[in-house]
């Protein structure tokens, strides 16, 4: 039977997770800087658990500065961050077995040797406007001014940046809207050499 988790336990584990992620920030500082926040039921202070089973928390890591062009290789970026979690957690947790990559998120699972006693998931995103800057679109000031206005507050999930994704369709649609308003008739076109197998439009 589901019930609300003890808030004292939730606060304590949230503080612990925050500390772990702060240490991960230090581990990856030569590659990226990022912010993070608690999301899901934890972010709403509505964490539940099934009977005496362990509850979990969910975090979002938002890449702020990509220092080595890792927007072009999101799998490598994810591996770098996963490895950083392993380094930090092996110092913190006795016999830590490793951070799991379940495609859409990284999962940190803590056990007592027999059963899970706590876990938290981490998903990743870039600010959409940072993705555009990383692939050189900022060279067109008129385009970027409009994109900043239309897209500056949006985020794109890292798992959707690996090609053939839902993000690419949204990206294409929004690009065409912007190009239409700028009077570009050629719109979106395919270019296999760039980040998403596409480039913004023929006029850029």
N, C-alpha and C. Protein backbone atom coordinates (compact mmCIF):
# COMPACT_ATOMS: atom_id res chain seq x y z
N UNK A 1 0.84 -1.20 0.00
CA UNK A 1 0.00 0.00 0.00
C UNK A 1 0.88 1.26 0.00
N UNK A 2 0.59 2.16 -0.90
CA UNK A 2 1.40 3.37 -1.00
C UNK A 2 1.05 4.36 0.10
N UNK A 3 2.08 5.06 0.55
CA UNK A 3 1.93 6.08 1.58
C UNK A 3 2.97 7.16 1.33
N UNK A 4 2.79 8.30 1.96
CA UNK A 4 3.78 9.35 1.84
C UNK A 4 5.02 8.98 2.64
N UNK A 5 6.17 9.20 2.04
CA UNK A 5 7.43 8.91 2.73
C UNK A 5 7.62 9.89 3.88
N UNK A 6 8.35 9.47 4.88
CA UNK A 6 8.66 10.31 6.02
C UNK A 6 9.47 11.53 5.54
N UNK A 7 8.97 12.72 5.81
CA UNK A 7 9.60 13.94 5.29
C UNK A 7 11.00 14.16 5.85
N UNK A 8 11.23 13.72 7.07
CA UNK A 8 12.57 13.83 7.64
C UNK A 8 13.57 12.99 6.84
N UNK A 9 13.15 11.78 6.45
CA UNK A 9 14.00 10.92 5.62
C UNK A 9 14.21 11.53 4.24
N UNK A 10 13.15 12.08 3.67
CA UNK A 10 13.25 12.70 2.34
C UNK A 10 14.23 13.86 2.37
N UNK A 11 14.12 14.71 3.37
CA UNK A 11 15.02 15.87 3.47
C UNK A 11 16.47 15.42 3.64
N UNK A 12 16.68 14.41 4.48
CA UNK A 12 18.05 13.93 4.72
C UNK A 12 18.67 13.36 3.45
N UNK A 13 17.89 12.57 2.71
CA UNK A 13 18.42 11.95 1.49
C UNK A 13 18.56 12.96 0.36
N UNK A 14 17.67 13.95 0.33
CA UNK A 14 17.82 15.03 -0.65
C UNK A 14 19.12 15.78 -0.42
N UNK A 15 19.40 16.08 0.84
CA UNK A 15 20.65 16.77 1.17
C UNK A 15 21.86 15.92 0.78
N UNK A 16 21.77 14.61 1.01
CA UNK A 16 22.87 13.71 0.65
C UNK A 16 23.07 13.69 -0.87
N UNK A 17 21.98 13.56 -1.61
CA UNK A 17 22.06 13.56 -3.09
C UNK A 17 22.65 14.87 -3.60
N UNK A 18 22.20 15.98 -3.03
CA UNK A 18 22.73 17.28 -3.45
C UNK A 18 24.25 17.32 -3.26
N UNK A 19 24.71 16.78 -2.14
CA UNK A 19 26.14 16.75 -1.88
C UNK A 19 26.90 15.91 -2.89
N UNK A 20 26.32 14.76 -3.25
CA UNK A 20 26.94 13.89 -4.25
C UNK A 20 27.05 14.62 -5.59
N UNK A 21 25.98 15.25 -6.00
CA UNK A 21 25.97 15.93 -7.30
C UNK A 21 26.92 17.13 -7.28
N UNK A 22 27.02 17.81 -6.14
CA UNK A 22 28.01 18.90 -6.03
C UNK A 22 29.42 18.40 -6.27
N UNK A 23 29.73 17.22 -5.75
CA UNK A 23 31.06 16.63 -5.96
C UNK A 23 31.25 16.22 -7.42
N UNK A 24 30.19 15.74 -8.05
CA UNK A 24 30.26 15.39 -9.48
C UNK A 24 30.56 16.64 -10.31
N UNK A 25 29.96 17.77 -9.93
CA UNK A 25 30.25 19.02 -10.63
C UNK A 25 31.76 19.30 -10.65
N UNK A 26 32.42 19.06 -9.54
CA UNK A 26 33.86 19.29 -9.46
C UNK A 26 34.63 18.31 -10.35
N UNK A 27 34.15 17.07 -10.40
CA UNK A 27 34.84 16.04 -11.19
C UNK A 27 34.80 16.33 -12.69
N UNK A 28 33.73 16.96 -13.14
CA UNK A 28 33.56 17.16 -14.60
C UNK A 28 33.83 18.59 -15.04
N UNK A 29 34.39 19.43 -14.17
CA UNK A 29 34.51 20.85 -14.47
C UNK A 29 35.37 21.15 -15.68
N UNK A 30 36.29 20.24 -16.04
CA UNK A 30 37.09 20.48 -17.24
C UNK A 30 36.30 20.23 -18.52
N UNK A 31 35.17 19.56 -18.40
CA UNK A 31 34.34 19.24 -19.56
C UNK A 31 33.11 20.15 -19.66
N UNK A 32 32.38 20.25 -18.56
CA UNK A 32 31.13 21.02 -18.57
C UNK A 32 30.91 21.65 -17.20
N UNK A 33 30.08 22.67 -17.19
CA UNK A 33 29.49 23.12 -15.94
C UNK A 33 27.99 22.86 -16.04
N UNK A 34 27.36 22.61 -14.91
CA UNK A 34 25.92 22.35 -14.94
C UNK A 34 25.26 22.79 -13.64
N UNK A 35 23.97 23.04 -13.74
CA UNK A 35 23.13 23.23 -12.57
C UNK A 35 22.26 21.99 -12.43
N UNK A 36 21.56 21.85 -11.33
CA UNK A 36 20.69 20.70 -11.15
C UNK A 36 19.52 21.06 -10.26
N UNK A 37 18.46 20.31 -10.39
CA UNK A 37 17.31 20.52 -9.51
C UNK A 37 16.56 19.22 -9.28
N UNK A 38 15.91 19.16 -8.16
CA UNK A 38 15.07 18.02 -7.80
C UNK A 38 13.76 18.15 -8.56
N UNK A 39 13.35 17.07 -9.22
CA UNK A 39 12.12 17.11 -10.01
C UNK A 39 11.17 15.99 -9.57
N UNK A 40 10.05 15.87 -10.26
CA UNK A 40 9.11 14.79 -9.94
C UNK A 40 8.47 14.98 -8.58
N UNK A 41 8.15 13.89 -7.95
CA UNK A 41 7.45 13.94 -6.66
C UNK A 41 8.31 14.60 -5.59
N UNK A 42 9.64 14.43 -5.68
CA UNK A 42 10.53 15.07 -4.72
C UNK A 42 10.48 16.58 -4.82
N UNK A 43 10.45 17.08 -6.05
CA UNK A 43 10.38 18.51 -6.25
C UNK A 43 9.07 19.10 -5.77
N UNK A 44 8.03 18.28 -5.74
CA UNK A 44 6.71 18.73 -5.28
C UNK A 44 6.46 18.38 -3.82
N UNK A 45 7.43 17.74 -3.18
CA UNK A 45 7.33 17.30 -1.79
C UNK A 45 6.16 16.33 -1.60
N UNK A 46 6.04 15.44 -2.58
CA UNK A 46 4.96 14.45 -2.53
C UNK A 46 5.52 13.04 -2.74
N UNK A 47 6.68 12.76 -2.14
CA UNK A 47 7.33 11.46 -2.33
C UNK A 47 6.51 10.37 -1.64
N UNK A 48 6.26 9.30 -2.39
CA UNK A 48 5.53 8.16 -1.83
C UNK A 48 6.39 6.91 -1.86
N UNK A 49 5.97 5.92 -1.07
CA UNK A 49 6.64 4.63 -1.10
C UNK A 49 5.61 3.54 -0.88
N UNK A 50 5.92 2.38 -1.40
CA UNK A 50 5.02 1.24 -1.31
C UNK A 50 5.36 0.45 -0.05
N UNK A 51 4.53 0.61 0.97
CA UNK A 51 4.78 -0.09 2.23
C UNK A 51 6.12 0.31 2.81
N UNK A 52 6.95 -0.69 3.10
CA UNK A 52 8.28 -0.43 3.65
C UNK A 52 9.37 -0.44 2.59
N UNK A 53 8.97 -0.49 1.31
CA UNK A 53 9.96 -0.46 0.24
C UNK A 53 10.62 0.90 0.16
N UNK A 54 11.80 0.93 -0.42
CA UNK A 54 12.55 2.18 -0.54
C UNK A 54 11.85 3.14 -1.50
N UNK A 55 11.98 4.43 -1.23
CA UNK A 55 11.51 5.42 -2.19
C UNK A 55 12.70 5.89 -3.01
N UNK A 56 12.42 6.65 -4.06
CA UNK A 56 13.51 7.19 -4.86
C UNK A 56 13.25 8.65 -5.18
N UNK A 57 14.29 9.31 -5.68
CA UNK A 57 14.21 10.72 -6.05
C UNK A 57 14.66 10.88 -7.49
N UNK A 58 14.30 11.99 -8.09
CA UNK A 58 14.64 12.27 -9.49
C UNK A 58 15.26 13.66 -9.61
N UNK A 59 16.35 13.71 -10.36
CA UNK A 59 17.05 14.98 -10.57
C UNK A 59 17.19 15.26 -12.06
N UNK A 60 17.26 16.55 -12.37
CA UNK A 60 17.57 16.99 -13.72
C UNK A 60 18.88 17.78 -13.68
N UNK A 61 19.84 17.38 -14.50
CA UNK A 61 21.08 18.11 -14.67
C UNK A 61 20.96 18.93 -15.94
N UNK A 62 21.20 20.24 -15.82
CA UNK A 62 21.07 21.14 -16.97
C UNK A 62 22.46 21.65 -17.33
N UNK A 63 22.96 21.24 -18.49
CA UNK A 63 24.29 21.64 -18.93
C UNK A 63 24.30 23.15 -19.19
N UNK A 64 25.19 23.85 -18.51
CA UNK A 64 25.28 25.30 -18.66
C UNK A 64 26.37 25.71 -19.64
N UNK A 65 27.53 25.07 -19.54
CA UNK A 65 28.65 25.42 -20.42
C UNK A 65 29.33 24.15 -20.89
N UNK A 66 29.36 23.97 -22.18
CA UNK A 66 30.02 22.82 -22.80
C UNK A 66 31.41 23.26 -23.23
N UNK A 67 32.44 22.84 -22.51
CA UNK A 67 33.80 23.33 -22.74
C UNK A 67 34.54 22.57 -23.83
N UNK A 68 34.04 21.38 -24.20
CA UNK A 68 34.77 20.55 -25.16
C UNK A 68 33.90 20.03 -26.30
N UNK A 69 32.85 20.76 -26.62
CA UNK A 69 32.02 20.40 -27.77
C UNK A 69 31.28 19.09 -27.61
N UNK A 70 30.89 18.76 -26.39
CA UNK A 70 30.25 17.47 -26.15
C UNK A 70 28.80 17.43 -26.58
N UNK A 71 28.24 18.57 -26.96
CA UNK A 71 26.90 18.55 -27.54
C UNK A 71 26.89 17.71 -28.81
N UNK A 72 28.06 17.58 -29.45
CA UNK A 72 28.18 16.75 -30.65
C UNK A 72 28.25 15.27 -30.33
N UNK A 73 28.48 14.93 -29.08
CA UNK A 73 28.65 13.53 -28.69
C UNK A 73 27.98 13.30 -27.33
N UNK A 74 26.65 13.35 -27.28
CA UNK A 74 25.95 13.23 -26.00
C UNK A 74 26.21 11.93 -25.27
N UNK A 75 26.48 10.84 -26.01
CA UNK A 75 26.78 9.58 -25.33
C UNK A 75 28.07 9.69 -24.53
N UNK A 76 29.08 10.33 -25.13
CA UNK A 76 30.35 10.52 -24.40
C UNK A 76 30.13 11.39 -23.17
N UNK A 77 29.36 12.45 -23.32
CA UNK A 77 29.08 13.33 -22.19
C UNK A 77 28.41 12.54 -21.06
N UNK A 78 27.45 11.73 -21.42
CA UNK A 78 26.75 10.93 -20.41
C UNK A 78 27.72 9.96 -19.72
N UNK A 79 28.62 9.35 -20.51
CA UNK A 79 29.60 8.43 -19.93
C UNK A 79 30.56 9.15 -18.98
N UNK A 80 30.94 10.37 -19.34
CA UNK A 80 31.83 11.15 -18.47
C UNK A 80 31.16 11.43 -17.13
N UNK A 81 29.89 11.82 -17.19
CA UNK A 81 29.18 12.12 -15.95
C UNK A 81 28.92 10.84 -15.15
N UNK A 82 28.61 9.75 -15.83
CA UNK A 82 28.41 8.47 -15.13
C UNK A 82 29.68 8.05 -14.41
N UNK A 83 30.82 8.20 -15.09
CA UNK A 83 32.10 7.85 -14.48
C UNK A 83 32.37 8.73 -13.26
N UNK A 84 32.02 10.02 -13.36
CA UNK A 84 32.21 10.93 -12.23
C UNK A 84 31.35 10.51 -11.03
N UNK A 85 30.12 10.08 -11.28
CA UNK A 85 29.29 9.56 -10.20
C UNK A 85 29.97 8.36 -9.54
N UNK A 86 30.52 7.47 -10.35
CA UNK A 86 31.18 6.28 -9.80
C UNK A 86 32.36 6.68 -8.90
N UNK A 87 33.16 7.64 -9.35
CA UNK A 87 34.31 8.08 -8.56
C UNK A 87 33.85 8.63 -7.21
N UNK A 88 32.85 9.49 -7.23
CA UNK A 88 32.36 10.11 -6.00
C UNK A 88 31.71 9.08 -5.07
N UNK A 89 30.88 8.21 -5.64
CA UNK A 89 30.13 7.27 -4.81
C UNK A 89 30.99 6.14 -4.25
N UNK A 90 32.04 5.80 -4.95
CA UNK A 90 32.94 4.78 -4.42
C UNK A 90 33.68 5.27 -3.19
N UNK A 91 33.79 6.60 -3.06
CA UNK A 91 34.37 7.19 -1.85
C UNK A 91 33.33 7.28 -0.73
N UNK A 92 32.08 7.38 -1.10
CA UNK A 92 31.01 7.63 -0.12
C UNK A 92 30.31 6.36 0.36
N UNK A 93 30.21 5.37 -0.53
CA UNK A 93 29.39 4.18 -0.24
C UNK A 93 30.26 2.94 -0.32
N UNK A 94 30.27 2.17 0.74
CA UNK A 94 31.06 0.94 0.77
C UNK A 94 30.56 -0.06 -0.27
N UNK A 95 31.48 -0.59 -1.06
CA UNK A 95 31.18 -1.58 -2.09
C UNK A 95 30.11 -1.10 -3.08
N UNK A 96 30.21 0.16 -3.46
CA UNK A 96 29.27 0.69 -4.46
C UNK A 96 29.46 -0.06 -5.78
N UNK A 97 28.37 -0.53 -6.36
CA UNK A 97 28.45 -1.42 -7.52
C UNK A 97 28.48 -0.70 -8.86
N UNK A 98 28.27 0.60 -8.87
CA UNK A 98 28.34 1.33 -10.13
C UNK A 98 27.02 1.96 -10.54
N UNK A 99 27.13 3.08 -11.22
CA UNK A 99 25.96 3.81 -11.70
C UNK A 99 25.43 3.18 -12.98
N UNK A 100 24.14 2.95 -13.03
CA UNK A 100 23.52 2.27 -14.18
C UNK A 100 23.06 3.28 -15.23
N UNK A 101 23.27 2.92 -16.48
CA UNK A 101 22.80 3.73 -17.60
C UNK A 101 21.60 3.02 -18.21
N UNK A 102 20.42 3.59 -17.98
CA UNK A 102 19.20 2.97 -18.50
C UNK A 102 18.67 3.74 -19.71
N UNK A 103 19.56 4.24 -20.54
CA UNK A 103 19.27 4.98 -21.78
C UNK A 103 18.76 6.39 -21.51
N UNK A 104 17.61 6.51 -20.87
CA UNK A 104 17.04 7.84 -20.68
C UNK A 104 17.59 8.53 -19.44
N UNK A 105 18.06 7.77 -18.45
CA UNK A 105 18.57 8.35 -17.21
C UNK A 105 19.78 7.55 -16.71
N UNK A 106 20.51 8.14 -15.77
CA UNK A 106 21.47 7.40 -14.97
C UNK A 106 20.81 7.07 -13.64
N UNK A 107 21.05 5.88 -13.12
CA UNK A 107 20.45 5.47 -11.86
C UNK A 107 21.52 5.13 -10.84
N UNK A 108 21.43 5.79 -9.70
CA UNK A 108 22.29 5.49 -8.56
C UNK A 108 21.46 4.65 -7.59
N UNK A 109 21.88 3.45 -7.35
CA UNK A 109 21.13 2.54 -6.48
C UNK A 109 22.01 2.12 -5.30
N UNK A 110 21.51 2.31 -4.10
CA UNK A 110 22.23 1.96 -2.88
C UNK A 110 21.54 0.74 -2.26
N UNK A 111 22.33 -0.27 -1.95
CA UNK A 111 21.78 -1.50 -1.37
C UNK A 111 22.46 -1.80 -0.04
N UNK A 112 21.85 -2.70 0.69
CA UNK A 112 22.46 -3.16 1.94
C UNK A 112 23.17 -4.50 1.72
N UNK A 113 23.39 -4.83 0.46
CA UNK A 113 23.99 -6.11 0.11
C UNK A 113 22.98 -7.12 -0.39
N UNK A 114 21.72 -6.89 -0.03
CA UNK A 114 20.65 -7.81 -0.43
C UNK A 114 19.54 -7.09 -1.19
N UNK A 115 19.13 -5.94 -0.67
CA UNK A 115 18.02 -5.25 -1.31
C UNK A 115 18.31 -3.76 -1.42
N UNK A 116 17.58 -3.12 -2.31
CA UNK A 116 17.75 -1.69 -2.51
C UNK A 116 17.19 -0.93 -1.31
N UNK A 117 17.96 0.00 -0.80
CA UNK A 117 17.47 0.81 0.32
C UNK A 117 17.20 2.26 -0.10
N UNK A 118 17.74 2.64 -1.26
CA UNK A 118 17.48 3.98 -1.78
C UNK A 118 18.04 4.07 -3.19
N UNK A 119 17.43 4.89 -4.02
CA UNK A 119 17.98 5.16 -5.35
C UNK A 119 17.56 6.55 -5.81
N UNK A 120 18.34 7.08 -6.75
CA UNK A 120 17.89 8.30 -7.41
C UNK A 120 18.30 8.26 -8.88
N UNK A 121 17.46 8.85 -9.72
CA UNK A 121 17.67 8.91 -11.16
C UNK A 121 18.10 10.31 -11.55
N UNK A 122 18.94 10.37 -12.58
CA UNK A 122 19.42 11.65 -13.09
C UNK A 122 19.19 11.70 -14.59
N UNK A 123 18.45 12.71 -15.03
CA UNK A 123 18.30 12.94 -16.46
C UNK A 123 19.06 14.21 -16.82
N UNK A 124 19.28 14.43 -18.11
CA UNK A 124 20.13 15.53 -18.56
C UNK A 124 19.40 16.37 -19.59
N UNK A 125 19.72 17.66 -19.58
CA UNK A 125 19.19 18.52 -20.62
C UNK A 125 20.16 19.65 -20.90
N UNK A 126 20.04 20.21 -22.10
CA UNK A 126 20.74 21.43 -22.47
C UNK A 126 19.68 22.51 -22.62
N UNK A 127 20.06 23.75 -22.36
CA UNK A 127 19.20 24.84 -22.78
C UNK A 127 19.19 24.85 -24.30
N UNK A 128 18.03 24.93 -24.89
CA UNK A 128 17.92 24.86 -26.34
C UNK A 128 18.80 25.90 -27.02
N UNK A 129 18.83 27.09 -26.46
CA UNK A 129 19.60 28.14 -27.10
C UNK A 129 21.09 27.82 -27.08
N UNK A 130 21.55 27.10 -26.06
CA UNK A 130 22.95 26.70 -26.00
C UNK A 130 23.27 25.67 -27.07
N UNK A 131 22.31 24.79 -27.36
CA UNK A 131 22.50 23.83 -28.45
C UNK A 131 22.71 24.57 -29.77
N UNK A 132 21.90 25.59 -30.01
CA UNK A 132 22.04 26.36 -31.25
C UNK A 132 23.40 27.05 -31.30
N UNK A 133 23.84 27.61 -30.19
CA UNK A 133 25.13 28.29 -30.17
C UNK A 133 26.27 27.31 -30.42
N UNK A 134 26.14 26.11 -29.88
CA UNK A 134 27.19 25.12 -30.04
C UNK A 134 27.38 24.68 -31.48
N UNK A 135 26.35 24.78 -32.30
CA UNK A 135 26.51 24.38 -33.70
C UNK A 135 26.68 25.58 -34.62
N UNK A 136 27.00 26.73 -34.02
CA UNK A 136 27.45 27.87 -34.80
C UNK A 136 26.38 28.77 -35.36
N UNK A 137 25.15 28.62 -34.91
CA UNK A 137 24.07 29.43 -35.47
C UNK A 137 24.17 30.88 -35.03
N UNK A 138 24.96 31.15 -33.96
CA UNK A 138 25.04 32.52 -33.46
C UNK A 138 25.68 33.47 -34.47
N UNK A 139 26.26 32.95 -35.54
CA UNK A 139 26.88 33.85 -36.52
C UNK A 139 25.83 34.67 -37.27
N UNK A 140 24.57 34.23 -37.24
CA UNK A 140 23.51 34.99 -37.88
C UNK A 140 22.74 35.73 -36.79
N UNK A 141 23.09 37.01 -36.58
CA UNK A 141 22.53 37.76 -35.45
C UNK A 141 21.02 37.87 -35.54
N UNK A 142 20.50 38.09 -36.74
CA UNK A 142 19.06 38.25 -36.91
C UNK A 142 18.33 36.98 -36.49
N UNK A 143 18.88 35.84 -36.90
CA UNK A 143 18.27 34.55 -36.54
C UNK A 143 18.34 34.35 -35.03
N UNK A 144 19.52 34.61 -34.43
CA UNK A 144 19.70 34.35 -33.02
C UNK A 144 18.85 35.25 -32.16
N UNK A 145 18.68 36.50 -32.57
CA UNK A 145 17.83 37.40 -31.81
C UNK A 145 16.41 36.85 -31.72
N UNK A 146 15.94 36.33 -32.85
CA UNK A 146 14.59 35.76 -32.86
C UNK A 146 14.55 34.45 -32.07
N UNK A 147 15.57 33.62 -32.26
CA UNK A 147 15.61 32.34 -31.56
C UNK A 147 15.66 32.53 -30.06
N UNK A 148 16.43 33.52 -29.61
CA UNK A 148 16.49 33.80 -28.19
C UNK A 148 15.11 34.13 -27.63
N UNK A 149 14.37 34.91 -28.38
CA UNK A 149 13.03 35.31 -27.94
C UNK A 149 12.10 34.12 -27.91
N UNK A 150 12.16 33.26 -28.94
CA UNK A 150 11.22 32.15 -29.07
C UNK A 150 11.64 30.91 -28.27
N UNK A 151 12.95 30.70 -28.09
CA UNK A 151 13.43 29.43 -27.59
C UNK A 151 14.28 29.53 -26.33
N UNK A 152 14.53 30.74 -25.86
CA UNK A 152 15.49 30.92 -24.78
C UNK A 152 15.16 30.20 -23.50
N UNK A 153 13.89 29.95 -23.23
CA UNK A 153 13.53 29.33 -21.96
C UNK A 153 13.31 27.83 -22.07
N UNK A 154 13.47 27.29 -23.27
CA UNK A 154 13.21 25.87 -23.46
C UNK A 154 14.43 25.03 -23.17
N UNK A 155 14.21 23.75 -22.88
CA UNK A 155 15.29 22.81 -22.68
C UNK A 155 15.07 21.62 -23.61
N UNK A 156 16.14 20.94 -23.94
CA UNK A 156 16.03 19.72 -24.74
C UNK A 156 16.69 18.59 -23.97
N UNK A 157 15.99 17.49 -23.83
CA UNK A 157 16.52 16.36 -23.07
C UNK A 157 17.65 15.70 -23.83
N UNK A 158 18.71 15.34 -23.12
CA UNK A 158 19.89 14.75 -23.74
C UNK A 158 19.57 13.48 -24.52
N UNK A 159 18.64 12.68 -24.02
CA UNK A 159 18.34 11.41 -24.68
C UNK A 159 17.74 11.65 -26.06
N UNK A 160 17.18 12.83 -26.27
CA UNK A 160 16.58 13.14 -27.57
C UNK A 160 17.54 13.84 -28.51
N UNK A 161 18.83 13.77 -28.22
CA UNK A 161 19.81 14.47 -29.05
C UNK A 161 20.67 13.50 -29.85
N UNK A 162 20.23 12.27 -30.01
CA UNK A 162 21.08 11.27 -30.63
C UNK A 162 20.66 10.92 -32.05
N UNK A 163 19.83 11.74 -32.67
CA UNK A 163 19.45 11.52 -34.07
C UNK A 163 18.15 10.74 -34.20
N UNK A 164 17.37 11.06 -35.21
CA UNK A 164 16.12 10.37 -35.44
C UNK A 164 15.15 10.52 -34.29
N UNK A 165 15.24 11.64 -33.59
CA UNK A 165 14.50 11.79 -32.35
C UNK A 165 13.31 12.72 -32.49
N UNK A 166 12.50 12.71 -31.45
CA UNK A 166 11.37 13.63 -31.38
C UNK A 166 11.88 15.07 -31.37
N UNK A 167 13.02 15.27 -30.69
CA UNK A 167 13.59 16.61 -30.64
C UNK A 167 13.88 17.15 -32.03
N UNK A 168 14.43 16.30 -32.88
CA UNK A 168 14.81 16.78 -34.21
C UNK A 168 13.59 17.28 -34.97
N UNK A 169 12.44 16.62 -34.82
CA UNK A 169 11.23 17.08 -35.49
C UNK A 169 10.79 18.43 -34.93
N UNK A 170 10.86 18.59 -33.60
CA UNK A 170 10.50 19.87 -33.00
C UNK A 170 11.46 20.97 -33.44
N UNK A 171 12.73 20.60 -33.50
CA UNK A 171 13.79 21.51 -33.93
C UNK A 171 13.54 21.96 -35.36
N UNK A 172 13.19 21.02 -36.22
CA UNK A 172 12.91 21.31 -37.63
C UNK A 172 11.71 22.24 -37.75
N UNK A 173 10.66 21.92 -37.00
CA UNK A 173 9.44 22.71 -37.08
C UNK A 173 9.68 24.15 -36.64
N UNK A 174 10.36 24.32 -35.50
CA UNK A 174 10.61 25.65 -35.00
C UNK A 174 11.56 26.43 -35.90
N UNK A 175 12.55 25.73 -36.47
CA UNK A 175 13.47 26.37 -37.41
C UNK A 175 12.72 26.92 -38.61
N UNK A 176 11.79 26.13 -39.13
CA UNK A 176 11.03 26.59 -40.29
C UNK A 176 10.15 27.79 -39.96
N UNK A 177 9.60 27.79 -38.75
CA UNK A 177 8.79 28.94 -38.33
C UNK A 177 9.64 30.20 -38.32
N UNK A 178 10.83 30.08 -37.72
CA UNK A 178 11.72 31.24 -37.63
C UNK A 178 12.15 31.69 -39.02
N UNK A 179 12.54 30.74 -39.86
CA UNK A 179 12.99 31.09 -41.22
C UNK A 179 11.87 31.75 -42.02
N UNK A 180 10.65 31.27 -41.86
CA UNK A 180 9.52 31.89 -42.54
C UNK A 180 9.39 33.36 -42.16
N UNK A 181 9.51 33.62 -40.85
CA UNK A 181 9.34 34.99 -40.38
C UNK A 181 10.51 35.88 -40.78
N UNK A 182 11.65 35.26 -41.05
CA UNK A 182 12.80 36.03 -41.52
C UNK A 182 12.82 36.16 -43.04
N UNK A 183 11.84 35.53 -43.71
CA UNK A 183 11.77 35.64 -45.15
C UNK A 183 12.68 34.71 -45.91
N UNK A 184 13.13 33.62 -45.27
CA UNK A 184 13.99 32.65 -45.95
C UNK A 184 13.10 31.62 -46.62
N UNK A 185 13.19 31.52 -47.94
CA UNK A 185 12.30 30.63 -48.68
C UNK A 185 12.79 29.18 -48.72
N UNK A 186 14.09 28.96 -48.50
CA UNK A 186 14.65 27.61 -48.66
C UNK A 186 14.43 26.73 -47.44
N UNK A 187 14.25 27.36 -46.29
CA UNK A 187 13.90 26.66 -45.05
C UNK A 187 14.93 25.61 -44.66
N UNK A 188 14.41 24.58 -44.03
CA UNK A 188 15.23 23.52 -43.44
C UNK A 188 15.76 22.57 -44.50
N UNK A 189 17.01 22.11 -44.34
CA UNK A 189 17.54 21.15 -45.28
C UNK A 189 18.49 20.19 -44.58
N UNK A 190 18.72 19.03 -45.18
CA UNK A 190 19.56 18.00 -44.58
C UNK A 190 21.02 18.26 -44.87
N UNK A 191 21.84 18.08 -43.85
CA UNK A 191 23.30 18.17 -44.01
C UNK A 191 23.91 17.16 -43.04
N UNK A 192 24.33 16.01 -43.54
CA UNK A 192 24.77 14.89 -42.70
C UNK A 192 25.98 15.23 -41.84
N UNK A 193 26.71 16.26 -42.18
CA UNK A 193 27.97 16.54 -41.48
C UNK A 193 27.79 17.25 -40.16
N UNK A 194 26.59 17.74 -39.87
CA UNK A 194 26.42 18.54 -38.66
C UNK A 194 25.79 17.73 -37.53
N UNK A 195 25.63 18.39 -36.42
CA UNK A 195 25.34 17.71 -35.16
C UNK A 195 24.19 16.73 -35.21
N UNK A 196 23.05 17.16 -35.72
CA UNK A 196 21.86 16.32 -35.70
C UNK A 196 21.56 15.72 -37.06
N UNK A 197 22.57 15.73 -37.98
CA UNK A 197 22.30 15.30 -39.34
C UNK A 197 21.52 16.35 -40.10
N UNK A 198 21.54 17.58 -39.61
CA UNK A 198 20.79 18.65 -40.22
C UNK A 198 21.55 19.96 -40.08
N UNK A 199 21.16 20.96 -40.82
CA UNK A 199 21.60 22.31 -40.49
C UNK A 199 20.37 23.18 -40.48
N UNK A 200 20.54 24.38 -39.97
CA UNK A 200 19.35 25.20 -39.70
C UNK A 200 18.55 25.50 -40.96
N UNK A 201 19.21 26.06 -41.96
CA UNK A 201 18.54 26.31 -43.23
C UNK A 201 19.58 26.73 -44.25
N UNK A 202 19.20 26.82 -45.49
CA UNK A 202 20.16 27.09 -46.56
C UNK A 202 20.73 28.50 -46.49
N UNK A 203 20.05 29.40 -45.77
CA UNK A 203 20.53 30.78 -45.73
C UNK A 203 21.58 30.98 -44.65
N UNK A 204 21.86 29.98 -43.83
CA UNK A 204 22.82 30.16 -42.73
C UNK A 204 24.17 29.57 -43.13
